[in-house]
C-alpha cells in the first residue's frame, strides 16, 4: 500500500535510503551514531578519517581540541573543555572499538 498523503515523511526517506544501500551494497558511508552530541559526531568523523589513513591518536587533546577556542577560555573553562573533550573521545573510541569487534 502506498502512502500518497505523506510523500516526504521521515519513515519513507529512511526506507528509501536503506533500500538504496542494500541495492548498491554501500555500507562504507561514515555516519555518526544516533544520540551522539555534535561534538561527539565531529570527533567520530575525524577519528574515522584518521583510522582510514592508518594513523593512531596518541594525544586526543592536541588532535581534537580547537586551538582558537582554547586561547579565549579562562583556566577553569579550559579544564572543563578538555575534560569534556576527553570524555567525548573515550565514548567515541569505545563505540568504534565495539563496532570493530563485531565486524572483525
PDB file of N, CA and C in Angstrom:
ATOM      1  N   UNK A   1       0.826  -1.170   0.000  1.00  0.00           N
ATOM      2  CA  UNK A   1       0.000   0.000   0.000  1.00  0.00           C
ATOM      3  C   UNK A   1       0.875   1.240   0.000  1.00  0.00           C
ATOM      4  N   UNK A   2       0.553   2.164  -0.804  1.00  0.00           N
ATOM      5  CA  UNK A   2       1.350   3.369  -0.949  1.00  0.00           C
ATOM      6  C   UNK A   2       0.847   4.464  -0.019  1.00  0.00           C
ATOM      7  N   UNK A   3       1.769   5.217   0.528  1.00  0.00           N
ATOM      8  CA  UNK A   3       1.426   6.342   1.391  1.00  0.00           C
ATOM      9  C   UNK A   3       1.454   7.608   0.545  1.00  0.00           C
ATOM     10  N   UNK A   4       0.345   7.918  -0.087  1.00  0.00           N
ATOM     11  CA  UNK A   4       0.282   9.035  -1.020  1.00  0.00           C
ATOM     12  C   UNK A   4       0.158  10.361  -0.287  1.00  0.00           C
ATOM     13  N   UNK A   5      -0.451  10.353   0.889  1.00  0.00           N
ATOM     14  CA  UNK A   5      -0.653  11.599   1.619  1.00  0.00           C
ATOM     15  C   UNK A   5       0.662  12.225   2.059  1.00  0.00           C
ATOM     16  N   UNK A   6       1.604  11.406   2.447  1.00  0.00           N
ATOM     17  CA  UNK A   6       2.852  11.909   3.016  1.00  0.00           C
ATOM     18  C   UNK A   6       4.033  11.413   2.195  1.00  0.00           C
ATOM     19  N   UNK A   7       4.255  12.049   1.066  1.00  0.00           N
ATOM     20  CA  UNK A   7       5.331  11.602   0.179  1.00  0.00           C
ATOM     21  C   UNK A   7       6.710  11.845   0.777  1.00  0.00           C
ATOM     22  N   UNK A   8       6.841  12.850   1.631  1.00  0.00           N
ATOM     23  CA  UNK A   8       8.152  13.212   2.169  1.00  0.00           C
ATOM     24  C   UNK A   8       8.274  12.895   3.657  1.00  0.00           C
ATOM     25  N   UNK A   9       7.576  11.890   4.151  1.00  0.00           N
ATOM     26  CA  UNK A   9       7.672  11.564   5.571  1.00  0.00           C
ATOM     27  C   UNK A   9       9.032  10.917   5.861  1.00  0.00           C
ATOM     28  N   UNK A  10       9.458  11.029   7.110  1.00  0.00           N
ATOM     29  CA  UNK A  10      10.789  10.571   7.515  1.00  0.00           C
ATOM     30  C   UNK A  10      10.940   9.057   7.361  1.00  0.00           C
ATOM     31  N   UNK A  11       9.894   8.303   7.637  1.00  0.00           N
ATOM     32  CA  UNK A  11       9.975   6.843   7.517  1.00  0.00           C
ATOM     33  C   UNK A  11      10.187   6.447   6.063  1.00  0.00           C
ATOM     34  N   UNK A  12       9.503   7.137   5.167  1.00  0.00           N
ATOM     35  CA  UNK A  12       9.670   6.864   3.743  1.00  0.00           C
ATOM     36  C   UNK A  12      11.109   7.166   3.312  1.00  0.00           C
ATOM     37  N   UNK A  13      11.669   8.275   3.792  1.00  0.00           N
ATOM     38  CA  UNK A  13      13.044   8.640   3.436  1.00  0.00           C
ATOM     39  C   UNK A  13      14.042   7.626   3.979  1.00  0.00           C
ATOM     40  N   UNK A  14      13.837   7.189   5.222  1.00  0.00           N
ATOM     41  CA  UNK A  14      14.737   6.191   5.805  1.00  0.00           C
ATOM     42  C   UNK A  14      14.660   4.864   5.059  1.00  0.00           C
ATOM     43  N   UNK A  15      13.461   4.457   4.711  1.00  0.00           N
ATOM     44  CA  UNK A  15      13.294   3.204   3.972  1.00  0.00           C
ATOM     45  C   UNK A  15      13.940   3.294   2.597  1.00  0.00           C
ATOM     46  N   UNK A  16      13.804   4.442   1.962  1.00  0.00           N
ATOM     47  CA  UNK A  16      14.395   4.634   0.634  1.00  0.00           C
ATOM     48  C   UNK A  16      15.923   4.582   0.704  1.00  0.00           C
ATOM     49  N   UNK A  17      16.508   5.225   1.728  1.00  0.00           N
ATOM     50  CA  UNK A  17      17.969   5.191   1.845  1.00  0.00           C
ATOM     51  C   UNK A  17      18.455   3.786   2.201  1.00  0.00           C
ATOM     52  N   UNK A  18      17.710   3.065   3.040  1.00  0.00           N
ATOM     53  CA  UNK A  18      18.090   1.690   3.383  1.00  0.00           C
ATOM     54  C   UNK A  18      18.024   0.788   2.160  1.00  0.00           C
ATOM     55  N   UNK A  19      17.000   0.966   1.356  1.00  0.00           N
ATOM     56  CA  UNK A  19      16.866   0.154   0.143  1.00  0.00           C
ATOM     57  C   UNK A  19      18.000   0.447  -0.830  1.00  0.00           C
ATOM     58  N   UNK A  20      18.375   1.726  -0.964  1.00  0.00           N
ATOM     59  CA  UNK A  20      19.469   2.058  -1.886  1.00  0.00           C
ATOM     60  C   UNK A  20      20.793   1.489  -1.386  1.00  0.00           C
ATOM     61  N   UNK A  21      21.010   1.483  -0.047  1.00  0.00           N
ATOM     62  CA  UNK A  21      22.231   0.877   0.498  1.00  0.00           C
ATOM     63  C   UNK A  21      22.262  -0.611   0.209  1.00  0.00           C
ATOM     64  N   UNK A  22      21.118  -1.273   0.357  1.00  0.00           N
ATOM     65  CA  UNK A  22      21.052  -2.708   0.080  1.00  0.00           C
ATOM     66  C   UNK A  22      21.324  -3.008  -1.384  1.00  0.00           C
ATOM     67  N   UNK A  23      20.718  -2.216  -2.267  1.00  0.00           N
ATOM     68  CA  UNK A  23      20.889  -2.456  -3.707  1.00  0.00           C
ATOM     69  C   UNK A  23      22.319  -2.184  -4.161  1.00  0.00           C
ATOM     70  N   UNK A  24      22.925  -1.134  -3.624  1.00  0.00           N
ATOM     71  CA  UNK A  24      24.275  -0.746  -4.043  1.00  0.00           C
ATOM     72  C   UNK A  24      25.362  -1.430  -3.219  1.00  0.00           C
ATOM     73  N   UNK A  25      24.960  -2.096  -2.122  1.00  0.00           N
ATOM     74  CA  UNK A  25      25.908  -2.689  -1.185  1.00  0.00           C
ATOM     75  C   UNK A  25      26.873  -1.620  -0.675  1.00  0.00           C
ATOM     76  N   UNK A  26      26.321  -0.454  -0.351  1.00  0.00           N
ATOM     77  CA  UNK A  26      27.106   0.711   0.062  1.00  0.00           C
ATOM     78  C   UNK A  26      26.994   0.900   1.574  1.00  0.00           C
ATOM     79  N   UNK A  27      27.912   0.273   2.294  1.00  0.00           N
ATOM     80  CA  UNK A  27      27.901   0.401   3.743  1.00  0.00           C
ATOM     81  C   UNK A  27      29.127   1.145   4.250  1.00  0.00           C
ATOM     82  N   UNK A  28      29.896   1.727   3.373  1.00  0.00           N
ATOM     83  CA  UNK A  28      31.126   2.397   3.771  1.00  0.00           C
ATOM     84  C   UNK A  28      30.910   3.845   4.185  1.00  0.00           C
ATOM     85  N   UNK A  29      29.702   4.362   4.038  1.00  0.00           N
ATOM     86  CA  UNK A  29      29.427   5.743   4.388  1.00  0.00           C
ATOM     87  C   UNK A  29      29.543   5.905   5.900  1.00  0.00           C
ATOM     88  N   UNK A  30      30.386   6.826   6.325  1.00  0.00           N
ATOM     89  CA  UNK A  30      30.581   7.049   7.748  1.00  0.00           C
ATOM     90  C   UNK A  30      29.505   7.993   8.265  1.00  0.00           C
ATOM     91  N   UNK A  31      28.672   7.481   9.138  1.00  0.00           N
ATOM     92  CA  UNK A  31      27.626   8.273   9.756  1.00  0.00           C
ATOM     93  C   UNK A  31      27.799   8.136  11.255  1.00  0.00           C
ATOM     94  N   UNK A  32      27.793   9.260  11.938  1.00  0.00           N
ATOM     95  CA  UNK A  32      27.954   9.234  13.383  1.00  0.00           C
ATOM     96  C   UNK A  32      26.778   8.505  14.023  1.00  0.00           C
ATOM     97  N   UNK A  33      27.008   7.860  15.150  1.00  0.00           N
ATOM     98  CA  UNK A  33      25.935   7.122  15.812  1.00  0.00           C
ATOM     99  C   UNK A  33      24.800   8.041  16.249  1.00  0.00           C
ATOM    100  N   UNK A  34      23.598   7.514  16.242  1.00  0.00           N
ATOM    101  CA  UNK A  34      22.462   8.310  16.682  1.00  0.00           C
ATOM    102  C   UNK A  34      22.559   8.535  18.183  1.00  0.00           C
ATOM    103  N   UNK A  35      22.121   9.678  18.629  1.00  0.00           N
ATOM    104  CA  UNK A  35      22.185  10.011  20.043  1.00  0.00           C
ATOM    105  C   UNK A  35      23.488  10.665  20.448  1.00  0.00           C
ATOM    106  N   UNK A  36      24.403  10.818  19.527  1.00  0.00           N
ATOM    107  CA  UNK A  36      25.680  11.453  19.840  1.00  0.00           C
ATOM    108  C   UNK A  36      25.525  12.970  19.813  1.00  0.00           C
ATOM    109  N   UNK A  37      26.286  13.638  20.654  1.00  0.00           N
ATOM    110  CA  UNK A  37      26.271  15.099  20.666  1.00  0.00           C
ATOM    111  C   UNK A  37      26.998  15.611  19.423  1.00  0.00           C
ATOM    112  N   UNK A  38      26.801  16.863  19.058  1.00  0.00           N
ATOM    113  CA  UNK A  38      27.526  17.403  17.897  1.00  0.00           C
ATOM    114  C   UNK A  38      29.048  17.292  18.042  1.00  0.00           C
ATOM    115  N   UNK A  39      29.549  17.469  19.257  1.00  0.00           N
ATOM    116  CA  UNK A  39      30.990  17.345  19.488  1.00  0.00           C
ATOM    117  C   UNK A  39      31.448  15.904  19.264  1.00  0.00           C
ATOM    118  N   UNK A  40      30.650  14.946  19.733  1.00  0.00           N
ATOM    119  CA  UNK A  40      30.986  13.537  19.540  1.00  0.00           C
ATOM    120  C   UNK A  40      30.932  13.157  18.067  1.00  0.00           C
ATOM    121  N   UNK A  41      29.974  13.712  17.337  1.00  0.00           N
ATOM    122  CA  UNK A  41      29.884  13.434  15.904  1.00  0.00           C
ATOM    123  C   UNK A  41      31.116  13.954  15.180  1.00  0.00           C
ATOM    124  N   UNK A  42      31.571  15.140  15.569  1.00  0.00           N
ATOM    125  CA  UNK A  42      32.770  15.713  14.953  1.00  0.00           C
ATOM    126  C   UNK A  42      33.995  14.847  15.247  1.00  0.00           C
ATOM    127  N   UNK A  43      34.135  14.413  16.493  1.00  0.00           N
ATOM    128  CA  UNK A  43      35.253  13.547  16.874  1.00  0.00           C
ATOM    129  C   UNK A  43      35.160  12.217  16.136  1.00  0.00           C
ATOM    130  N   UNK A  44      33.957  11.674  16.022  1.00  0.00           N
ATOM    131  CA  UNK A  44      33.750  10.404  15.333  1.00  0.00           C
ATOM    132  C   UNK A  44      34.228  10.483  13.886  1.00  0.00           C
ATOM    133  N   UNK A  45      33.818  11.524  13.183  1.00  0.00           N
ATOM    134  CA  UNK A  45      34.205  11.655  11.778  1.00  0.00           C
ATOM    135  C   UNK A  45      35.715  11.849  11.631  1.00  0.00           C
ATOM    136  N   UNK A  46      36.320  12.658  12.511  1.00  0.00           N
ATOM    137  CA  UNK A  46      37.774  12.862  12.461  1.00  0.00           C
ATOM    138  C   UNK A  46      38.513  11.561  12.773  1.00  0.00           C
ATOM    139  N   UNK A  47      38.014  10.834  13.768  1.00  0.00           N
ATOM    140  CA  UNK A  47      38.658   9.582  14.172  1.00  0.00           C
ATOM    141  C   UNK A  47      38.550   8.530  13.078  1.00  0.00           C
ATOM    142  N   UNK A  48      37.408   8.463  12.410  1.00  0.00           N
ATOM    143  CA  UNK A  48      37.248   7.522  11.294  1.00  0.00           C
ATOM    144  C   UNK A  48      38.210   7.863  10.165  1.00  0.00           C
ATOM    145  N   UNK A  49      38.368   9.153   9.888  1.00  0.00           N
ATOM    146  CA  UNK A  49      39.286   9.583   8.831  1.00  0.00           C
ATOM    147  C   UNK A  49      40.722   9.211   9.192  1.00  0.00           C
ATOM    148  N   UNK A  50      41.098   9.427  10.451  1.00  0.00           N
ATOM    149  CA  UNK A  50      42.448   9.071  10.885  1.00  0.00           C
ATOM    150  C   UNK A  50      42.679   7.563  10.801  1.00  0.00           C
ATOM    151  N   UNK A  51      41.680   6.772  11.166  1.00  0.00           N
ATOM    152  CA  UNK A  51      41.827   5.320  11.107  1.00  0.00           C
ATOM    153  C   UNK A  51      41.944   4.832   9.671  1.00  0.00           C
ATOM    154  N   UNK A  52      41.200   5.464   8.755  1.00  0.00           N
ATOM    155  CA  UNK A  52      41.310   5.085   7.344  1.00  0.00           C
ATOM    156  C   UNK A  52      42.697   5.393   6.799  1.00  0.00           C
ATOM    157  N   UNK A  53      43.298   6.491   7.294  1.00  0.00           N
ATOM    158  CA  UNK A  53      44.638   6.869   6.859  1.00  0.00           C
ATOM    159  C   UNK A  53      45.717   6.046   7.547  1.00  0.00           C
ATOM    160  N   UNK A  54      45.333   5.200   8.505  1.00  0.00           N
ATOM    161  CA  UNK A  54      46.282   4.337   9.194  1.00  0.00           C
ATOM    162  C   UNK A  54      47.005   5.020  10.335  1.00  0.00           C
ATOM    163  N   UNK A  55      46.490   6.144  10.798  1.00  0.00           N
ATOM    164  CA  UNK A  55      47.132   6.872  11.889  1.00  0.00           C
ATOM    165  C   UNK A  55      46.474   6.503  13.215  1.00  0.00           C
ATOM    166  N   UNK A  56      47.249   6.608  14.289  1.00  0.00           N
ATOM    167  CA  UNK A  56      46.703   6.390  15.622  1.00  0.00           C
ATOM    168  C   UNK A  56      46.761   7.703  16.389  1.00  0.00           C
ATOM    169  N   UNK A  57      45.850   7.869  17.302  1.00  0.00           N
ATOM    170  CA  UNK A  57      45.790   9.093  18.097  1.00  0.00           C
ATOM    171  C   UNK A  57      46.549   8.854  19.389  1.00  0.00           C
ATOM    172  N   UNK A  58      47.627   9.591  19.577  1.00  0.00           N
ATOM    173  CA  UNK A  58      48.397   9.468  20.807  1.00  0.00           C
ATOM    174  C   UNK A  58      48.033  10.564  21.797  1.00  0.00           C
ATOM    175  N   UNK A  59      47.603  11.712  21.295  1.00  0.00           N
ATOM    176  CA  UNK A  59      47.218  12.826  22.154  1.00  0.00           C
ATOM    177  C   UNK A  59      45.878  13.379  21.674  1.00  0.00           C
ATOM    178  N   UNK A  60      44.772  12.897  22.233  1.00  0.00           N
ATOM    179  CA  UNK A  60      43.463  13.339  21.745  1.00  0.00           C
ATOM    180  C   UNK A  60      43.203  14.822  21.957  1.00  0.00           C
ATOM    181  N   UNK A  61      43.768  15.407  23.005  1.00  0.00           N
ATOM    182  CA  UNK A  61      43.546  16.831  23.251  1.00  0.00           C
ATOM    183  C   UNK A  61      44.161  17.655  22.129  1.00  0.00           C
ATOM    184  N   UNK A  62      45.379  17.340  21.755  1.00  0.00           N
ATOM    185  CA  UNK A  62      46.033  18.085  20.676  1.00  0.00           C
ATOM    186  C   UNK A  62      45.383  17.791  19.330  1.00  0.00           C
ATOM    187  N   UNK A  63      44.873  16.589  19.156  1.00  0.00           N
ATOM    188  CA  UNK A  63      44.286  16.208  17.872  1.00  0.00           C
ATOM    189  C   UNK A  63      42.901  16.791  17.650  1.00  0.00           C
ATOM    190  N   UNK A  64      42.104  16.889  18.705  1.00  0.00           N
ATOM    191  CA  UNK A  64      40.701  17.255  18.534  1.00  0.00           C
ATOM    192  C   UNK A  64      40.311  18.603  19.129  1.00  0.00           C
ATOM    193  N   UNK A  65      41.157  19.202  19.954  1.00  0.00           N
ATOM    194  CA  UNK A  65      40.816  20.494  20.561  1.00  0.00           C
ATOM    195  C   UNK A  65      40.959  21.617  19.541  1.00  0.00           C
ATOM    196  N   UNK A  66      40.128  22.618  19.692  1.00  0.00           N
ATOM    197  CA  UNK A  66      40.169  23.795  18.835  1.00  0.00           C
ATOM    198  C   UNK A  66      41.141  24.798  19.458  1.00  0.00           C
ATOM    199  N   UNK A  67      42.306  25.027  18.831  1.00  0.00           N
ATOM    200  CA  UNK A  67      43.306  25.914  19.437  1.00  0.00           C
ATOM    201  C   UNK A  67      42.810  27.350  19.594  1.00  0.00           C
ATOM    202  N   UNK A  68      41.987  27.808  18.668  1.00  0.00           N
ATOM    203  CA  UNK A  68      41.453  29.169  18.766  1.00  0.00           C
ATOM    204  C   UNK A  68      40.517  29.291  19.967  1.00  0.00           C
ATOM    205  N   UNK A  69      39.736  28.263  20.205  1.00  0.00           N
ATOM    206  CA  UNK A  69      38.817  28.283  21.344  1.00  0.00           C
ATOM    207  C   UNK A  69      39.592  28.231  22.654  1.00  0.00           C
ATOM    208  N   UNK A  70      40.659  27.436  22.691  1.00  0.00           N
ATOM    209  CA  UNK A  70      41.465  27.328  23.909  1.00  0.00           C
ATOM    210  C   UNK A  70      42.112  28.656  24.281  1.00  0.00           C
ATOM    211  N   UNK A  71      42.464  29.463  23.285  1.00  0.00           N
ATOM    212  CA  UNK A  71      43.090  30.764  23.561  1.00  0.00           C
ATOM    213  C   UNK A  71      42.140  31.719  24.270  1.00  0.00           C
ATOM    214  N   UNK A  72      40.851  31.599  23.988  1.00  0.00           N
ATOM    215  CA  UNK A  72      39.883  32.548  24.538  1.00  0.00           C
ATOM    216  C   UNK A  72      39.341  32.134  25.902  1.00  0.00           C
ATOM    217  N   UNK A  73      39.564  30.901  26.321  1.00  0.00           N
ATOM    218  CA  UNK A  73      38.983  30.408  27.567  1.00  0.00           C
ATOM    219  C   UNK A  73      39.855  30.728  28.772  1.00  0.00           C
ATOM    220  N   UNK A  74      39.206  30.884  29.930  1.00  0.00           N
ATOM    221  CA  UNK A  74      39.945  31.046  31.179  1.00  0.00           C
ATOM    222  C   UNK A  74      40.489  29.677  31.601  1.00  0.00           C
ATOM    223  N   UNK A  75      41.265  29.668  32.669  1.00  0.00           N
ATOM    224  CA  UNK A  75      41.887  28.420  33.124  1.00  0.00           C
ATOM    225  C   UNK A  75      40.829  27.370  33.481  1.00  0.00           C
ATOM    226  N   UNK A  76      39.800  27.776  34.233  1.00  0.00           N
ATOM    227  CA  UNK A  76      38.750  26.838  34.634  1.00  0.00           C
ATOM    228  C   UNK A  76      37.955  26.352  33.425  1.00  0.00           C
ATOM    229  N   UNK A  77      37.674  27.263  32.499  1.00  0.00           N
ATOM    230  CA  UNK A  77      36.933  26.882  31.297  1.00  0.00           C
ATOM    231  C   UNK A  77      37.748  25.923  30.429  1.00  0.00           C
ATOM    232  N   UNK A  78      39.069  26.135  30.380  1.00  0.00           N
ATOM    233  CA  UNK A  78      39.939  25.215  29.634  1.00  0.00           C
ATOM    234  C   UNK A  78      39.869  23.817  30.230  1.00  0.00           C
ATOM    235  N   UNK A  79      39.904  23.756  31.563  1.00  0.00           N
ATOM    236  CA  UNK A  79      39.836  22.454  32.223  1.00  0.00           C
ATOM    237  C   UNK A  79      38.521  21.745  31.907  1.00  0.00           C
ATOM    238  N   UNK A  80      37.402  22.489  31.969  1.00  0.00           N
ATOM    239  CA  UNK A  80      36.107  21.902  31.655  1.00  0.00           C
ATOM    240  C   UNK A  80      36.046  21.444  30.205  1.00  0.00           C
ATOM    241  N   UNK A  81      36.580  22.277  29.306  1.00  0.00           N
ATOM    242  CA  UNK A  81      36.570  21.956  27.880  1.00  0.00           C
ATOM    243  C   UNK A  81      37.391  20.695  27.604  1.00  0.00           C
ATOM    244  N   UNK A  82      38.563  20.603  28.198  1.00  0.00           N
ATOM    245  CA  UNK A  82      39.443  19.450  27.981  1.00  0.00           C
ATOM    246  C   UNK A  82      38.828  18.180  28.576  1.00  0.00           C
ATOM    247  N   UNK A  83      38.238  18.285  29.767  1.00  0.00           N
ATOM    248  CA  UNK A  83      37.581  17.113  30.363  1.00  0.00           C
ATOM    249  C   UNK A  83      36.405  16.648  29.513  1.00  0.00           C
ATOM    250  N   UNK A  84      35.632  17.592  29.018  1.00  0.00           N
ATOM    251  CA  UNK A  84      34.502  17.245  28.150  1.00  0.00           C
ATOM    252  C   UNK A  84      34.995  16.600  26.859  1.00  0.00           C
ATOM    253  N   UNK A  85      36.045  17.164  26.283  1.00  0.00           N
ATOM    254  CA  UNK A  85      36.626  16.630  25.055  1.00  0.00           C
ATOM    255  C   UNK A  85      37.144  15.208  25.271  1.00  0.00           C
ATOM    256  N   UNK A  86      37.827  14.985  26.380  1.00  0.00           N
ATOM    257  CA  UNK A  86      38.362  13.651  26.674  1.00  0.00           C
ATOM    258  C   UNK A  86      37.238  12.640  26.908  1.00  0.00           C
ATOM    259  N   UNK A  87      36.184  13.058  27.599  1.00  0.00           N
ATOM    260  CA  UNK A  87      35.051  12.156  27.825  1.00  0.00           C
ATOM    261  C   UNK A  87      34.384  11.794  26.501  1.00  0.00           C
ATOM    262  N   UNK A  88      34.230  12.783  25.620  1.00  0.00           N
ATOM    263  CA  UNK A  88      33.646  12.514  24.303  1.00  0.00           C
ATOM    264  C   UNK A  88      34.543  11.582  23.500  1.00  0.00           C
ATOM    265  N   UNK A  89      35.859  11.810  23.560  1.00  0.00           N
ATOM    266  CA  UNK A  89      36.805  10.961  22.832  1.00  0.00           C
ATOM    267  C   UNK A  89      36.729   9.518  23.330  1.00  0.00           C
ATOM    268  N   UNK A  90      36.697   9.338  24.642  1.00  0.00           N
ATOM    269  CA  UNK A  90      36.659   7.992  25.215  1.00  0.00           C
ATOM    270  C   UNK A  90      35.383   7.264  24.794  1.00  0.00           C
ATOM    271  N   UNK A  91      34.246   7.962  24.821  1.00  0.00           N
ATOM    272  CA  UNK A  91      32.997   7.292  24.441  1.00  0.00           C
ATOM    273  C   UNK A  91      32.977   6.941  22.953  1.00  0.00           C
ATOM    274  N   UNK A  92      33.501   7.829  22.110  1.00  0.00           N
ATOM    275  CA  UNK A  92      33.549   7.548  20.671  1.00  0.00           C
ATOM    276  C   UNK A  92      34.528   6.420  20.383  1.00  0.00           C
ATOM    277  N   UNK A  93      35.676   6.433  21.039  1.00  0.00           N
ATOM    278  CA  UNK A  93      36.684   5.386  20.847  1.00  0.00           C
ATOM    279  C   UNK A  93      36.128   4.028  21.280  1.00  0.00           C
ATOM    280  N   UNK A  94      35.413   4.013  22.394  1.00  0.00           N
ATOM    281  CA  UNK A  94      34.799   2.772  22.877  1.00  0.00           C
ATOM    282  C   UNK A  94      33.775   2.260  21.864  1.00  0.00           C
ATOM    283  N   UNK A  95      32.973   3.165  21.310  1.00  0.00           N
ATOM    284  CA  UNK A  95      31.975   2.784  20.307  1.00  0.00           C
ATOM    285  C   UNK A  95      32.654   2.185  19.079  1.00  0.00           C
ATOM    286  N   UNK A  96      33.728   2.827  18.604  1.00  0.00           N
ATOM    287  CA  UNK A  96      34.436   2.331  17.423  1.00  0.00           C
ATOM    288  C   UNK A  96      35.096   0.982  17.686  1.00  0.00           C
ATOM    289  N   UNK A  97      35.648   0.800  18.885  1.00  0.00           N
ATOM    290  CA  UNK A  97      36.266  -0.483  19.227  1.00  0.00           C
ATOM    291  C   UNK A  97      35.228  -1.605  19.268  1.00  0.00           C
ATOM    292  N   UNK A  98      34.055  -1.320  19.846  1.00  0.00           N
ATOM    293  CA  UNK A  98      32.990  -2.323  19.885  1.00  0.00           C
ATOM    294  C   UNK A  98      32.494  -2.639  18.478  1.00  0.00           C
ATOM    295  N   UNK A  99      32.391  -1.610  17.658  1.00  0.00           N
ATOM    296  CA  UNK A  99      31.948  -1.790  16.272  1.00  0.00           C
ATOM    297  C   UNK A  99      32.959  -2.645  15.503  1.00  0.00           C
ATOM    298  N   UNK A 100      34.254  -2.410  15.721  1.00  0.00           N
ATOM    299  CA  UNK A 100      35.297  -3.181  15.045  1.00  0.00           C
ATOM    300  C   UNK A 100      35.289  -4.637  15.518  1.00  0.00           C
ATOM    301  N   UNK A 101      35.026  -4.858  16.804  1.00  0.00           N
ATOM    302  CA  UNK A 101      34.966  -6.216  17.333  1.00  0.00           C
ATOM    303  C   UNK A 101      33.809  -6.999  16.730  1.00  0.00           C
ATOM    304  N   UNK A 102      32.674  -6.331  16.520  1.00  0.00           N
ATOM    305  CA  UNK A 102      31.514  -7.004  15.939  1.00  0.00           C
ATOM    306  C   UNK A 102      31.764  -7.369  14.484  1.00  0.00           C
ATOM    307  N   UNK A 103      32.439  -6.480  13.756  1.00  0.00           N
ATOM    308  CA  UNK A 103      32.704  -6.711  12.329  1.00  0.00           C
ATOM    309  C   UNK A 103      33.796  -7.755  12.147  1.00  0.00           C
ATOM    310  N   UNK A 104      34.881  -7.602  12.867  1.00  0.00           N
ATOM    311  CA  UNK A 104      36.032  -8.468  12.630  1.00  0.00           C
ATOM    312  C   UNK A 104      36.236  -9.401  13.723  1.00  0.00           C
TER     313      UNK A 104
END
